[in-house]
Amino acid sequence: MAELPNVAEFDFVVEIPPQFDKYVDSAMLRLQVHHPAWRIARLDGAISIGVSGGLAEEELRKTVLYTVYREKIYAETLVMRQALMSAVTSR
């Protein structure tokens, strides 16, 4: 794991693969909506999260990576879903 600045103030750092980098900001927003008590920050190539309570590191990592992946799927299928809605609602 790479050395990241200001990591001491966070409980967990989840590294994000480079191919998912452009989805991190929207995934962080979604995470903040679903987990308002989490302190979330973006570091170079990672998302840092501070949580209170006994959340397992594996569960937190799974939640973060799943959210980033969902944002990728959402972005990649948006045009197709919009076209489908137009086709279905047009008469």
N, C-alpha and C. Protein backbone atom coordinates (compact mmCIF):
# COMPACT_ATOMS: atom_id res chain seq x y z
N MET A 1 0.84 -1.17 0.00
CA MET A 1 0.00 0.00 0.00
C MET A 1 0.89 1.23 0.00
N ALA A 2 0.57 2.21 -0.81
CA ALA A 2 1.37 3.42 -0.92
C ALA A 2 1.15 4.33 0.28
N GLU A 3 2.16 5.09 0.60
CA GLU A 3 2.04 6.07 1.67
C GLU A 3 1.12 7.19 1.21
N LEU A 4 0.12 7.52 2.00
CA LEU A 4 -0.83 8.56 1.65
C LEU A 4 -0.80 9.66 2.69
N PRO A 5 -0.90 10.92 2.28
CA PRO A 5 -0.86 12.02 3.24
C PRO A 5 -2.11 12.06 4.10
N ASN A 6 -1.94 12.48 5.34
CA ASN A 6 -3.05 12.69 6.28
C ASN A 6 -3.89 11.44 6.53
N VAL A 7 -3.30 10.29 6.39
CA VAL A 7 -4.05 9.04 6.60
C VAL A 7 -4.39 8.85 8.07
N ALA A 8 -3.62 9.42 8.96
CA ALA A 8 -3.80 9.21 10.39
C ALA A 8 -5.18 9.63 10.88
N GLU A 9 -5.80 10.60 10.22
CA GLU A 9 -7.10 11.06 10.67
C GLU A 9 -8.24 10.17 10.19
N PHE A 10 -7.94 9.18 9.37
CA PHE A 10 -8.96 8.29 8.86
C PHE A 10 -8.73 6.88 9.38
N ASP A 11 -9.82 6.12 9.45
CA ASP A 11 -9.74 4.75 9.92
C ASP A 11 -9.35 3.79 8.81
N PHE A 12 -9.82 4.04 7.60
CA PHE A 12 -9.61 3.12 6.50
C PHE A 12 -9.23 3.87 5.23
N VAL A 13 -8.39 3.27 4.43
CA VAL A 13 -8.07 3.79 3.11
C VAL A 13 -8.32 2.67 2.12
N VAL A 14 -9.18 2.94 1.14
CA VAL A 14 -9.50 1.96 0.11
C VAL A 14 -8.90 2.45 -1.20
N GLU A 15 -7.96 1.69 -1.73
CA GLU A 15 -7.34 2.05 -3.00
C GLU A 15 -8.32 1.77 -4.14
N ILE A 16 -8.33 2.68 -5.10
CA ILE A 16 -9.22 2.58 -6.24
C ILE A 16 -8.38 2.34 -7.49
N PRO A 17 -8.70 1.31 -8.27
CA PRO A 17 -7.96 1.06 -9.50
C PRO A 17 -8.06 2.26 -10.45
N PRO A 18 -7.00 2.57 -11.19
CA PRO A 18 -6.99 3.76 -12.06
C PRO A 18 -8.13 3.82 -13.07
N GLN A 19 -8.59 2.70 -13.57
CA GLN A 19 -9.67 2.72 -14.57
C GLN A 19 -11.01 3.19 -13.99
N PHE A 20 -11.12 3.27 -12.68
CA PHE A 20 -12.35 3.72 -12.03
C PHE A 20 -12.23 5.15 -11.50
N ASP A 21 -11.12 5.81 -11.75
CA ASP A 21 -10.84 7.12 -11.16
C ASP A 21 -11.90 8.16 -11.48
N LYS A 22 -12.42 8.16 -12.71
CA LYS A 22 -13.39 9.20 -13.07
C LYS A 22 -14.76 9.01 -12.41
N TYR A 23 -14.97 7.90 -11.74
CA TYR A 23 -16.25 7.65 -11.07
C TYR A 23 -16.18 7.89 -9.56
N VAL A 24 -15.01 8.22 -9.06
CA VAL A 24 -14.81 8.33 -7.62
C VAL A 24 -15.62 9.46 -7.00
N ASP A 25 -15.65 10.64 -7.64
CA ASP A 25 -16.37 11.77 -7.05
C ASP A 25 -17.86 11.48 -6.88
N SER A 26 -18.49 10.94 -7.90
CA SER A 26 -19.92 10.64 -7.78
C SER A 26 -20.16 9.49 -6.81
N ALA A 27 -19.24 8.54 -6.74
CA ALA A 27 -19.37 7.44 -5.77
C ALA A 27 -19.24 7.98 -4.35
N MET A 28 -18.35 8.92 -4.15
CA MET A 28 -18.20 9.51 -2.81
C MET A 28 -19.47 10.23 -2.39
N LEU A 29 -20.10 10.93 -3.33
CA LEU A 29 -21.36 11.61 -3.02
C LEU A 29 -22.43 10.59 -2.63
N ARG A 30 -22.51 9.51 -3.39
CA ARG A 30 -23.49 8.46 -3.07
C ARG A 30 -23.20 7.84 -1.69
N LEU A 31 -21.93 7.61 -1.39
CA LEU A 31 -21.56 7.07 -0.08
C LEU A 31 -21.96 8.02 1.05
N GLN A 32 -21.78 9.32 0.83
CA GLN A 32 -22.16 10.29 1.85
C GLN A 32 -23.66 10.33 2.09
N VAL A 33 -24.42 10.11 1.02
CA VAL A 33 -25.88 10.07 1.16
C VAL A 33 -26.30 8.85 1.98
N HIS A 34 -25.72 7.71 1.68
CA HIS A 34 -26.11 6.47 2.35
C HIS A 34 -25.47 6.31 3.73
N HIS A 35 -24.35 6.97 3.97
CA HIS A 35 -23.64 6.85 5.24
C HIS A 35 -23.21 8.24 5.73
N PRO A 36 -24.17 9.06 6.18
CA PRO A 36 -23.85 10.45 6.55
C PRO A 36 -22.87 10.58 7.72
N ALA A 37 -22.72 9.58 8.52
CA ALA A 37 -21.79 9.67 9.65
C ALA A 37 -20.34 9.42 9.25
N TRP A 38 -20.12 8.90 8.07
CA TRP A 38 -18.76 8.63 7.60
C TRP A 38 -18.08 9.93 7.22
N ARG A 39 -16.79 10.05 7.53
CA ARG A 39 -15.96 11.16 7.07
C ARG A 39 -15.21 10.64 5.84
N ILE A 40 -15.53 11.19 4.68
CA ILE A 40 -15.00 10.68 3.42
C ILE A 40 -14.13 11.74 2.77
N ALA A 41 -12.97 11.31 2.30
CA ALA A 41 -12.07 12.21 1.58
C ALA A 41 -11.41 11.45 0.44
N ARG A 42 -11.08 12.20 -0.59
CA ARG A 42 -10.39 11.59 -1.74
C ARG A 42 -8.90 11.87 -1.62
N LEU A 43 -8.14 10.83 -1.69
CA LEU A 43 -6.70 10.95 -1.73
C LEU A 43 -6.25 10.46 -3.10
N ASP A 44 -5.02 10.69 -3.44
CA ASP A 44 -4.51 10.28 -4.74
C ASP A 44 -4.64 8.77 -4.92
N GLY A 45 -5.59 8.36 -5.75
CA GLY A 45 -5.79 6.94 -6.03
C GLY A 45 -6.49 6.16 -4.95
N ALA A 46 -7.15 6.85 -4.02
CA ALA A 46 -7.81 6.15 -2.92
C ALA A 46 -8.95 6.99 -2.35
N ILE A 47 -9.80 6.34 -1.59
CA ILE A 47 -10.83 7.00 -0.81
C ILE A 47 -10.53 6.69 0.65
N SER A 48 -10.47 7.74 1.46
CA SER A 48 -10.22 7.58 2.90
C SER A 48 -11.53 7.78 3.64
N ILE A 49 -11.76 6.91 4.61
CA ILE A 49 -13.02 6.96 5.34
C ILE A 49 -12.75 6.86 6.83
N GLY A 50 -13.38 7.75 7.56
CA GLY A 50 -13.36 7.69 9.01
C GLY A 50 -14.74 7.29 9.48
N VAL A 51 -14.82 6.27 10.29
CA VAL A 51 -16.11 5.79 10.79
C VAL A 51 -16.02 5.63 12.30
N SER A 52 -17.13 5.82 12.94
CA SER A 52 -17.20 5.50 14.36
C SER A 52 -18.03 4.24 14.49
N GLY A 53 -17.65 3.39 15.38
CA GLY A 53 -18.36 2.13 15.52
C GLY A 53 -17.51 0.99 15.01
N GLY A 54 -18.04 -0.19 15.13
CA GLY A 54 -17.28 -1.38 14.81
C GLY A 54 -17.55 -1.96 13.44
N LEU A 55 -17.29 -1.20 12.40
CA LEU A 55 -17.48 -1.71 11.06
C LEU A 55 -16.23 -2.46 10.63
N ALA A 56 -16.40 -3.66 10.15
CA ALA A 56 -15.26 -4.48 9.72
C ALA A 56 -14.63 -3.87 8.47
N GLU A 57 -13.31 -3.93 8.40
CA GLU A 57 -12.59 -3.36 7.26
C GLU A 57 -13.01 -4.00 5.95
N GLU A 58 -13.23 -5.31 5.95
CA GLU A 58 -13.64 -5.99 4.73
C GLU A 58 -15.00 -5.49 4.24
N GLU A 59 -15.91 -5.27 5.16
CA GLU A 59 -17.25 -4.80 4.80
C GLU A 59 -17.18 -3.37 4.25
N LEU A 60 -16.38 -2.53 4.87
CA LEU A 60 -16.24 -1.16 4.40
C LEU A 60 -15.61 -1.13 3.00
N ARG A 61 -14.56 -1.90 2.81
CA ARG A 61 -13.90 -1.97 1.50
C ARG A 61 -14.88 -2.46 0.43
N LYS A 62 -15.66 -3.47 0.76
CA LYS A 62 -16.65 -4.01 -0.17
C LYS A 62 -17.68 -2.94 -0.53
N THR A 63 -18.15 -2.19 0.44
CA THR A 63 -19.15 -1.15 0.20
C THR A 63 -18.60 -0.06 -0.69
N VAL A 64 -17.38 0.38 -0.43
CA VAL A 64 -16.77 1.44 -1.23
C VAL A 64 -16.55 0.99 -2.67
N LEU A 65 -15.94 -0.16 -2.85
CA LEU A 65 -15.66 -0.64 -4.20
C LEU A 65 -16.94 -0.94 -4.98
N TYR A 66 -17.94 -1.48 -4.30
CA TYR A 66 -19.21 -1.75 -4.96
C TYR A 66 -19.87 -0.45 -5.42
N THR A 67 -19.79 0.59 -4.60
CA THR A 67 -20.38 1.88 -4.96
C THR A 67 -19.66 2.50 -6.15
N VAL A 68 -18.35 2.42 -6.17
CA VAL A 68 -17.59 2.95 -7.31
C VAL A 68 -17.95 2.16 -8.58
N TYR A 69 -18.04 0.86 -8.48
CA TYR A 69 -18.40 0.02 -9.63
C TYR A 69 -19.80 0.36 -10.12
N ARG A 70 -20.74 0.57 -9.21
CA ARG A 70 -22.11 0.93 -9.59
C ARG A 70 -22.14 2.26 -10.34
N GLU A 71 -21.31 3.20 -9.92
CA GLU A 71 -21.24 4.49 -10.60
C GLU A 71 -20.73 4.31 -12.03
N LYS A 72 -19.78 3.42 -12.21
CA LYS A 72 -19.24 3.12 -13.55
C LYS A 72 -20.35 2.56 -14.44
N ILE A 73 -21.09 1.59 -13.93
CA ILE A 73 -22.19 0.98 -14.68
C ILE A 73 -23.25 2.03 -15.00
N TYR A 74 -23.59 2.87 -14.03
CA TYR A 74 -24.59 3.92 -14.24
C TYR A 74 -24.16 4.85 -15.37
N ALA A 75 -22.92 5.32 -15.32
CA ALA A 75 -22.43 6.25 -16.34
C ALA A 75 -22.38 5.61 -17.72
N GLU A 76 -21.96 4.36 -17.78
CA GLU A 76 -21.81 3.69 -19.07
C GLU A 76 -23.14 3.30 -19.71
N THR A 77 -24.18 3.18 -18.93
CA THR A 77 -25.47 2.78 -19.48
C THR A 77 -26.49 3.91 -19.54
N LEU A 78 -26.09 5.11 -19.15
CA LEU A 78 -27.03 6.23 -19.11
C LEU A 78 -27.63 6.53 -20.49
N VAL A 79 -26.82 6.62 -21.52
CA VAL A 79 -27.32 6.93 -22.86
C VAL A 79 -28.29 5.86 -23.34
N MET A 80 -27.96 4.61 -23.09
CA MET A 80 -28.82 3.50 -23.50
C MET A 80 -30.17 3.57 -22.76
N ARG A 81 -30.14 3.87 -21.49
CA ARG A 81 -31.39 3.95 -20.72
C ARG A 81 -32.23 5.14 -21.16
N GLN A 82 -31.58 6.26 -21.48
CA GLN A 82 -32.31 7.42 -21.98
C GLN A 82 -32.97 7.13 -23.32
N ALA A 83 -32.24 6.44 -24.21
CA ALA A 83 -32.80 6.08 -25.51
C ALA A 83 -33.98 5.13 -25.35
N LEU A 84 -33.85 4.18 -24.44
CA LEU A 84 -34.94 3.24 -24.19
C LEU A 84 -36.17 3.97 -23.66
N MET A 85 -35.97 4.89 -22.73
CA MET A 85 -37.12 5.66 -22.20
C MET A 85 -37.77 6.49 -23.30
N SER A 86 -36.96 7.08 -24.17
CA SER A 86 -37.53 7.87 -25.28
C SER A 86 -38.33 6.98 -26.21
N ALA A 87 -37.81 5.82 -26.51
CA ALA A 87 -38.50 4.89 -27.41
C ALA A 87 -39.80 4.40 -26.81
N VAL A 88 -39.79 4.14 -25.53
CA VAL A 88 -40.99 3.60 -24.86
C VAL A 88 -42.05 4.67 -24.68
N THR A 89 -41.64 5.90 -24.39
CA THR A 89 -42.62 6.95 -24.09
C THR A 89 -43.05 7.72 -25.33
N SER A 90 -42.35 7.58 -26.46
CA SER A 90 -42.73 8.28 -27.70
C SER A 90 -43.86 7.54 -28.39
N ARG A 91 -44.73 8.28 -29.03
CA ARG A 91 -45.84 7.64 -29.76
C ARG A 91 -45.91 8.17 -31.13
